[in-house]
Amino acid sequence: MPHSQSSAPRGSVRLARGASPWLLPTVATAAVSLARSRRSGRWAAVAVPTTALAAGMLWFFRDPEREIAQGRVISPADGVVQSIMPWKDGRTRVAIFMSPLNVHVNRAPLAGTVTSVEHIPGGFVPAFNKESENNERVVWHFDTELGDIEMVQIAGAVARRIVPYVPQGTKVEQGERIGLIRFGSRVDVYLPEGVEAAVEVGQATTAGVTRLDRD
């Protein structure tokens, strides 16, 4: 049976941790412009785009509850499988592209202990570009029942901030929230040698729900 990663009601939605620096100024500006629009037509013209932007921010930073699926490796990100590539060391890299319309909160692909969280500075080319492998990124390593599992959060042209939620040494459950990438980006998971990918290029994934490995 699937297990729930949270005691919150299924289908409920909260706001992502790390959204405040973007969300609070936008919502405050919209609130002020709406209040002043009652007295000024000029402010009414300002209220329309600021309110739309605030609504967009609330949508971008949604963080829905999920019923976590069973499987050895589950997707850490909402998005679309961009590539499935065999690696020289026998692992298989599954790259998931996240558009600005996807949920930006990432989840642990397996249960285990976070052994490393490394921030690597870099560029900000679009995440669907091959050169995005040199972008700003955070490299995660998990000690799991399958051994060491590597996951990489990659910033894109718009996503210029990655916010890890848990530090090195933390024990995490499969499907637990571990970080946020603001706006569109990419997440790579390296399946260990001998583990075959169950997804295909172009397939949509849901964090905590879509199984990445095949029995």
Protein backbone atom coordinates (compact mmCIF):
# COMPACT_ATOMS: atom_id res chain seq x y z
CA MET A 1 0.00 0.00 0.00
CA PRO A 2 1.26 3.54 -0.71
CA HIS A 3 2.38 5.49 2.34
CA SER A 4 1.81 9.16 3.09
CA GLN A 5 4.81 11.40 3.79
CA SER A 6 2.68 13.84 5.76
CA SER A 7 -0.23 13.79 8.17
CA ALA A 8 -1.87 16.69 6.31
CA PRO A 9 -5.04 15.88 4.36
CA ARG A 10 -4.47 14.38 0.96
CA GLY A 11 -4.85 16.97 -1.78
CA SER A 12 -4.09 19.91 0.51
CA VAL A 13 -1.62 22.53 -0.67
CA ARG A 14 0.78 24.73 1.26
CA LEU A 15 3.43 27.23 0.20
CA ALA A 16 6.99 26.09 -0.31
CA ARG A 17 9.66 26.93 2.21
CA GLY A 18 12.11 29.43 0.71
CA ALA A 19 9.44 31.29 -1.29
CA SER A 20 9.24 34.31 1.04
CA PRO A 21 11.93 36.52 -0.59
CA TRP A 22 9.95 36.44 -3.85
CA LEU A 23 6.43 36.05 -2.57
CA LEU A 24 6.13 38.57 0.27
CA PRO A 25 7.17 41.72 -1.70
CA THR A 26 4.93 40.73 -4.60
CA VAL A 27 1.86 40.11 -2.43
CA ALA A 28 2.50 43.29 -0.41
CA THR A 29 2.73 45.39 -3.58
CA ALA A 30 -0.49 43.87 -4.90
CA ALA A 31 -2.29 44.54 -1.60
CA VAL A 32 -1.18 48.18 -1.52
CA SER A 33 -2.12 48.81 -5.14
CA LEU A 34 -5.55 47.21 -4.64
CA ALA A 35 -6.21 49.32 -1.55
CA ARG A 36 -5.22 52.57 -3.31
CA SER A 37 -7.07 51.69 -6.53
CA ARG A 38 -10.35 52.50 -4.79
CA ARG A 39 -9.35 56.16 -4.74
CA SER A 40 -7.23 56.47 -7.87
CA GLY A 41 -7.66 55.26 -11.43
CA ARG A 42 -3.89 55.38 -11.83
CA TRP A 43 -3.47 52.87 -9.00
CA ALA A 44 -6.21 50.73 -10.52
CA ALA A 45 -4.06 50.36 -13.63
CA VAL A 46 -1.16 49.25 -11.42
CA ALA A 47 -3.32 46.84 -9.40
CA VAL A 48 -4.16 44.61 -12.34
CA PRO A 49 -0.63 43.44 -13.26
CA THR A 50 0.60 43.34 -9.65
CA THR A 51 -2.35 41.20 -8.57
CA ALA A 52 -1.83 38.88 -11.53
CA LEU A 53 1.86 38.57 -10.66
CA ALA A 54 1.03 37.80 -7.01
CA ALA A 55 -1.43 35.12 -8.09
CA GLY A 56 1.24 33.65 -10.37
CA MET A 57 3.74 33.57 -7.52
CA LEU A 58 1.27 31.76 -5.28
CA TRP A 59 0.82 29.18 -8.03
CA PHE A 60 4.56 28.84 -8.69
CA PHE A 61 5.34 28.23 -5.02
CA ARG A 62 2.56 25.77 -4.26
CA ASP A 63 3.61 22.67 -2.35
CA PRO A 64 0.90 19.99 -2.51
CA GLU A 65 0.74 16.99 -0.22
CA ARG A 66 1.43 13.66 -1.92
CA GLU A 67 0.67 10.02 -1.28
CA ILE A 68 4.18 8.63 -1.65
CA ALA A 69 4.36 5.66 -4.02
CA GLN A 70 6.22 2.41 -3.50
CA GLY A 71 9.36 1.59 -5.46
CA ARG A 72 13.10 1.50 -4.95
CA VAL A 73 13.66 4.89 -6.64
CA ILE A 74 10.93 7.50 -7.11
CA SER A 75 11.03 10.80 -8.95
CA PRO A 76 12.41 13.74 -6.96
CA ALA A 77 10.77 16.29 -9.26
CA ASP A 78 7.63 17.23 -11.16
CA GLY A 79 8.49 17.64 -14.82
CA VAL A 80 9.28 15.75 -18.02
CA VAL A 81 12.03 13.20 -18.58
CA GLN A 82 14.53 15.03 -20.78
CA SER A 83 17.10 12.27 -21.25
CA ILE A 84 18.11 8.80 -20.03
CA MET A 85 21.83 8.35 -20.42
CA PRO A 86 24.16 5.45 -19.50
CA TRP A 87 27.21 6.63 -17.56
CA LYS A 88 30.77 5.34 -17.85
CA ASP A 89 30.70 3.92 -14.32
CA GLY A 90 27.63 1.77 -15.04
CA ARG A 91 25.05 4.13 -13.61
CA THR A 92 22.14 5.59 -15.61
CA ARG A 93 21.35 9.29 -15.44
CA VAL A 94 17.68 10.25 -15.60
CA ALA A 95 17.33 14.00 -16.28
CA ILE A 96 14.00 15.65 -15.47
CA PHE A 97 13.22 19.11 -16.87
CA MET A 98 11.05 21.31 -14.66
CA SER A 99 9.14 24.14 -16.36
CA PRO A 100 8.01 27.29 -14.52
CA LEU A 101 4.53 25.72 -14.31
CA ASN A 102 5.71 22.68 -12.35
CA VAL A 103 5.86 22.37 -8.56
CA HIS A 104 9.39 23.44 -7.61
CA VAL A 105 9.78 21.44 -4.38
CA ASN A 106 12.05 18.41 -4.76
CA ARG A 107 11.78 15.18 -2.75
CA ALA A 108 14.16 12.42 -1.68
CA PRO A 109 14.24 9.61 -4.29
CA LEU A 110 15.03 7.02 -1.62
CA ALA A 111 15.10 6.72 2.15
CA GLY A 112 18.56 7.08 3.62
CA THR A 113 21.09 9.44 5.11
CA VAL A 114 22.26 12.62 3.37
CA THR A 115 26.03 12.15 3.19
CA SER A 116 26.81 15.26 1.12
CA VAL A 117 25.17 18.51 0.00
CA GLU A 118 27.58 20.42 -2.24
CA HIS A 119 26.84 23.78 -3.84
CA ILE A 120 28.75 24.31 -7.09
CA PRO A 121 28.74 27.81 -8.68
CA GLY A 122 28.15 28.04 -12.43
CA GLY A 123 26.21 29.66 -15.25
CA PHE A 124 22.50 30.07 -15.91
CA VAL A 125 21.83 28.83 -19.44
CA PRO A 126 18.37 27.29 -20.07
CA ALA A 127 18.04 23.94 -18.28
CA PHE A 128 17.09 22.13 -21.51
CA ASN A 129 20.44 23.14 -23.05
CA LYS A 130 23.27 20.58 -22.95
CA GLU A 131 25.58 23.25 -21.55
CA SER A 132 23.31 23.51 -18.49
CA GLU A 133 25.46 20.78 -16.92
CA ASN A 134 27.84 23.64 -16.08
CA ASN A 135 25.10 25.68 -14.43
CA GLU A 136 24.79 26.60 -10.79
CA ARG A 137 23.86 23.36 -9.03
CA VAL A 138 23.62 21.44 -5.77
CA VAL A 139 24.92 17.88 -5.75
CA TRP A 140 23.35 15.49 -3.22
CA HIS A 141 24.56 12.07 -2.11
CA PHE A 142 22.39 9.66 -0.13
CA ASP A 143 23.50 6.50 1.67
CA THR A 144 20.64 4.09 0.91
CA GLU A 145 19.84 0.40 0.75
CA LEU A 146 21.00 0.55 -2.89
CA GLY A 147 24.28 2.17 -1.89
CA ASP A 148 25.31 5.72 -2.76
CA ILE A 149 22.68 7.59 -4.78
CA GLU A 150 23.53 10.89 -6.45
CA MET A 151 20.98 13.59 -7.24
CA VAL A 152 21.75 16.98 -8.80
CA GLN A 153 19.56 20.10 -8.69
CA ILE A 154 20.47 22.37 -11.63
CA ALA A 155 19.49 26.03 -11.87
CA GLY A 156 18.18 27.27 -15.22
CA ALA A 157 17.98 30.63 -17.00
CA VAL A 158 15.22 31.83 -14.66
CA ALA A 159 15.91 29.67 -11.60
CA ARG A 160 18.89 31.36 -10.00
CA ARG A 161 18.52 30.05 -6.48
CA ILE A 162 18.51 26.52 -5.08
CA VAL A 163 17.36 26.18 -1.47
CA PRO A 164 18.33 22.92 0.31
CA TYR A 165 16.00 22.07 3.19
CA VAL A 166 18.14 19.49 5.00
CA PRO A 167 21.87 19.41 5.85
CA GLN A 168 24.47 16.68 5.61
CA GLY A 169 23.88 13.92 8.16
CA THR A 170 20.09 14.12 8.03
CA LYS A 171 18.11 10.88 7.77
CA VAL A 172 15.30 11.29 5.25
CA GLU A 173 12.28 9.22 4.31
CA GLN A 174 11.55 8.39 0.69
CA GLY A 175 9.50 11.23 -0.76
CA GLU A 176 10.43 13.69 1.99
CA ARG A 177 10.85 17.31 0.91
CA ILE A 178 14.55 18.12 0.66
CA GLY A 179 14.81 21.36 -1.31
CA LEU A 180 13.44 23.98 -3.67
CA ILE A 181 14.54 25.32 -7.03
CA ARG A 182 12.95 28.68 -7.74
CA PHE A 183 11.22 28.63 -11.14
CA GLY A 184 12.18 26.35 -14.07
CA SER A 185 15.19 24.06 -13.80
CA ARG A 186 16.40 20.44 -13.97
CA VAL A 187 16.94 17.54 -11.58
CA ASP A 188 19.18 14.56 -12.40
CA VAL A 189 19.06 11.21 -10.63
CA TYR A 190 21.76 8.58 -11.12
CA LEU A 191 20.37 5.06 -10.96
CA PRO A 192 22.99 2.60 -9.66
CA GLU A 193 24.52 -0.08 -11.87
CA GLY A 194 22.09 -2.91 -12.53
CA VAL A 195 18.98 -0.75 -12.00
CA GLU A 196 17.00 -0.17 -15.19
CA ALA A 197 14.97 2.98 -15.82
CA ALA A 198 11.21 2.45 -15.93
CA VAL A 199 10.45 5.84 -17.49
CA GLU A 200 10.87 7.07 -21.07
CA VAL A 201 12.05 10.33 -22.60
CA GLY A 202 9.11 12.72 -22.83
CA GLN A 203 7.22 11.08 -19.96
CA ALA A 204 5.73 13.34 -17.29
CA THR A 205 6.85 12.72 -13.72
CA THR A 206 5.41 13.62 -10.33
CA ALA A 207 7.69 14.02 -7.33
CA GLY A 208 7.12 11.28 -4.78
CA VAL A 209 4.72 9.42 -7.08
CA THR A 210 6.41 8.36 -10.34
CA ARG A 211 8.65 5.33 -10.02
CA LEU A 212 11.95 5.67 -11.90
CA ASP A 213 13.29 2.10 -11.64
CA ARG A 214 12.07 -1.21 -13.03
CA ASP A 215 11.89 -4.50 -11.10
